[in-house]
């Protein structure tokens, strides 16, 4: 916002009060002018406007979806559409939307060629079942089937011990009889 300044000899009394009032008025007008622009930002717009943006970007809110996740899906709709269809792109989409680390395996020898395996932790799968279904449906590869497998992290304790053994190398040769 433009800061109004008066010369020092006028910056006192009623003129200073008038300047402060004009400054407040133009800050209010600036807020009114910026409001339509703020409605194009999916993170801060009104929910009704967000629904219009979602319709425009081919996003449908699923049952029970939190508003914050809905806003993220609308915000990243264009870049997700660009990333769709590739393994690295699907990993980026899942990371952007807060699913986290995912392993994707394709064309495994013991399975049909069209099966794609998504390996997630148990908590990721239980926290986001509907989101994963929607993302695979919208951004997954065409003519592919997706299987979800869980990765269970386990802590492993290994005992280490130092032992000092002696090593000798002996070489034996055969002498031919003379």
Protein backbone atom coordinates (compact mmCIF):
# COMPACT_ATOMS: atom_id res chain seq x y z
CA UNK A 1 0.00 0.00 0.00
CA UNK A 2 1.10 3.49 -0.76
CA UNK A 3 2.07 5.36 2.41
CA UNK A 4 0.75 8.92 2.43
CA UNK A 5 3.29 11.54 3.53
CA UNK A 6 2.83 15.20 4.28
CA UNK A 7 5.59 17.79 4.48
CA UNK A 8 6.78 18.23 8.06
CA UNK A 9 5.18 21.66 8.43
CA UNK A 10 1.75 20.22 7.53
CA UNK A 11 2.07 16.96 9.51
CA UNK A 12 0.36 18.14 12.69
CA UNK A 13 -3.10 18.82 14.06
CA UNK A 14 -6.15 18.30 11.94
CA UNK A 15 -4.16 17.64 8.74
CA UNK A 16 -2.43 14.68 10.43
CA UNK A 17 -5.84 13.33 11.48
CA UNK A 18 -7.13 13.79 7.93
CA UNK A 19 -4.06 11.98 6.56
CA UNK A 20 -4.60 9.04 8.96
CA UNK A 21 -8.27 8.83 7.96
CA UNK A 22 -7.41 8.90 4.26
CA UNK A 23 -4.72 6.23 4.80
CA UNK A 24 -7.22 3.95 6.58
CA UNK A 25 -9.83 4.54 3.86
CA UNK A 26 -7.47 3.63 1.00
CA UNK A 27 -6.25 0.53 2.86
CA UNK A 28 -9.89 -0.57 3.11
CA UNK A 29 -10.44 0.13 -0.61
CA UNK A 30 -7.28 -1.82 -1.43
CA UNK A 31 -8.70 -4.80 0.50
CA UNK A 32 -11.90 -4.57 -1.54
CA UNK A 33 -9.95 -4.48 -4.80
CA UNK A 34 -7.75 -7.43 -3.82
CA UNK A 35 -10.62 -9.63 -2.65
CA UNK A 36 -11.44 -11.07 -6.12
CA UNK A 37 -7.78 -11.92 -6.63
CA UNK A 38 -7.62 -13.71 -3.28
CA UNK A 39 -10.59 -15.83 -4.37
CA UNK A 40 -8.42 -17.45 -7.05
CA UNK A 41 -6.10 -18.85 -4.37
CA UNK A 42 -7.37 -22.31 -3.35
CA UNK A 43 -5.71 -22.07 0.06
CA UNK A 44 -7.58 -18.91 1.16
CA UNK A 45 -10.77 -18.60 -0.90
CA UNK A 46 -14.32 -19.15 0.29
CA UNK A 47 -15.53 -22.77 0.19
CA UNK A 48 -18.14 -22.01 -2.48
CA UNK A 49 -15.48 -20.51 -4.74
CA UNK A 50 -13.26 -23.52 -3.97
CA UNK A 51 -16.01 -25.82 -5.26
CA UNK A 52 -16.10 -23.84 -8.50
CA UNK A 53 -12.30 -24.04 -8.83
CA UNK A 54 -12.49 -27.78 -8.14
CA UNK A 55 -15.13 -28.24 -10.83
CA UNK A 56 -12.96 -26.29 -13.25
CA UNK A 57 -9.95 -28.51 -12.42
CA UNK A 58 -11.89 -31.81 -12.48
CA UNK A 59 -11.65 -32.48 -8.74
CA UNK A 60 -14.55 -33.99 -6.82
CA UNK A 61 -14.63 -33.93 -3.06
CA UNK A 62 -15.08 -37.41 -1.66
CA UNK A 63 -17.11 -38.25 1.44
CA UNK A 64 -15.32 -37.40 4.67
CA UNK A 65 -12.48 -35.51 2.99
CA UNK A 66 -11.01 -32.83 5.26
CA UNK A 67 -11.14 -29.29 3.91
CA UNK A 68 -7.35 -28.91 4.10
CA UNK A 69 -6.81 -31.98 1.88
CA UNK A 70 -9.52 -30.80 -0.52
CA UNK A 71 -7.75 -27.43 -0.80
CA UNK A 72 -4.43 -29.20 -1.48
CA UNK A 73 -5.98 -31.37 -4.19
CA UNK A 74 -7.47 -28.31 -5.90
CA UNK A 75 -4.23 -26.34 -5.54
CA UNK A 76 -2.09 -29.05 -7.14
CA UNK A 77 -4.63 -30.22 -9.75
CA UNK A 78 -2.74 -28.88 -12.76
CA UNK A 79 0.70 -30.16 -11.74
CA UNK A 80 -0.81 -33.51 -10.73
CA UNK A 81 -2.41 -33.82 -14.16
CA UNK A 82 1.00 -33.23 -15.74
CA UNK A 83 2.66 -35.80 -13.47
CA UNK A 84 -0.05 -38.43 -14.04
CA UNK A 85 0.81 -41.59 -15.92
CA UNK A 86 4.40 -42.13 -14.84
CA UNK A 87 5.87 -43.92 -11.86
CA UNK A 88 7.91 -40.93 -10.71
CA UNK A 89 4.93 -38.64 -11.27
CA UNK A 90 2.63 -40.80 -9.14
CA UNK A 91 5.24 -40.77 -6.36
CA UNK A 92 5.38 -36.95 -6.54
CA UNK A 93 1.58 -36.72 -6.45
CA UNK A 94 1.37 -38.92 -3.35
CA UNK A 95 4.14 -36.94 -1.67
CA UNK A 96 2.48 -33.59 -2.50
CA UNK A 97 -0.80 -34.68 -0.97
CA UNK A 98 0.79 -35.87 2.25
CA UNK A 99 0.67 -39.64 1.81
CA UNK A 100 4.44 -39.90 2.25
CA UNK A 101 6.97 -42.50 1.14
CA UNK A 102 5.67 -45.03 -1.39
CA UNK A 103 7.38 -47.78 -3.36
CA UNK A 104 5.98 -48.55 -6.80
CA UNK A 105 6.79 -51.79 -8.62
CA UNK A 106 5.69 -52.65 -12.15
CA UNK A 107 5.90 -55.70 -14.40
CA UNK A 108 6.86 -58.17 -11.73
CA UNK A 109 7.79 -61.59 -13.15
CA UNK A 110 5.36 -63.59 -10.99
CA UNK A 111 2.36 -61.33 -11.70
CA UNK A 112 0.47 -60.27 -14.83
CA UNK A 113 2.12 -57.43 -16.75
CA UNK A 114 -0.68 -54.92 -16.06
CA UNK A 115 -0.49 -55.11 -12.24
CA UNK A 116 1.19 -52.22 -10.45
CA UNK A 117 2.08 -52.76 -6.79
CA UNK A 118 2.00 -49.79 -4.42
CA UNK A 119 3.86 -50.50 -1.20
CA UNK A 120 2.82 -48.28 1.71
CA UNK A 121 3.11 -48.46 5.45
CA UNK A 122 0.13 -49.78 7.37
CA UNK A 123 -0.63 -46.35 8.82
CA UNK A 124 -0.57 -44.70 5.37
CA UNK A 125 -3.01 -47.25 4.05
CA UNK A 126 -5.38 -47.00 7.00
CA UNK A 127 -5.25 -43.17 7.19
CA UNK A 128 -5.90 -42.54 3.49
CA UNK A 129 -7.91 -45.41 1.93
CA UNK A 130 -10.39 -43.20 0.08
CA UNK A 131 -7.71 -40.72 -1.01
CA UNK A 132 -5.57 -43.51 -2.46
CA UNK A 133 -8.54 -44.92 -4.35
CA UNK A 134 -9.40 -41.51 -5.80
CA UNK A 135 -5.79 -40.73 -6.75
CA UNK A 136 -5.26 -44.07 -8.46
CA UNK A 137 -8.54 -43.67 -10.31
CA UNK A 138 -7.76 -40.13 -11.46
CA UNK A 139 -3.99 -40.14 -11.95
CA UNK A 140 -3.10 -43.82 -12.40
CA UNK A 141 -2.11 -45.33 -15.70
CA UNK A 142 -4.87 -46.39 -18.03
CA UNK A 143 -5.44 -50.15 -18.39
CA UNK A 144 -3.53 -50.97 -15.22
CA UNK A 145 -4.63 -52.71 -12.06
CA UNK A 146 -3.28 -51.48 -8.75
CA UNK A 147 -2.56 -53.62 -5.70
CA UNK A 148 -1.74 -52.19 -2.31
CA UNK A 149 0.83 -53.92 -0.13
CA UNK A 150 1.92 -52.87 3.31
CA UNK A 151 5.46 -52.28 4.43
CA UNK A 152 5.97 -52.93 8.11
CA UNK A 153 9.08 -51.34 9.55
CA UNK A 154 10.78 -53.46 12.16
CA UNK A 155 13.61 -52.66 14.50
CA UNK A 156 16.45 -55.11 14.33
CA UNK A 157 19.05 -55.49 17.02
CA UNK A 158 22.41 -56.91 16.06
CA UNK A 159 25.01 -57.82 18.60
CA UNK A 160 28.58 -57.10 17.65
CA UNK A 161 31.58 -58.61 19.30
CA UNK A 162 35.25 -58.11 18.72
CA UNK A 163 37.40 -61.21 18.65
CA UNK A 164 41.12 -61.34 18.00
CA UNK A 165 41.99 -64.55 16.25
CA UNK A 166 45.34 -65.24 14.76
CA UNK A 167 45.65 -66.10 11.12
CA UNK A 168 48.41 -67.94 9.39
CA UNK A 169 48.74 -68.81 5.75
CA UNK A 170 50.81 -71.90 4.99
CA UNK A 171 51.69 -72.86 1.45
CA UNK A 172 52.52 -76.43 0.61
CA UNK A 173 54.13 -77.51 -2.65
CA UNK A 174 54.70 -80.97 -3.97
CA UNK A 175 58.17 -81.85 -5.06
CA UNK A 176 58.45 -84.25 -7.88
CA UNK A 177 60.58 -87.28 -7.09
CA UNK A 178 63.93 -87.21 -8.80
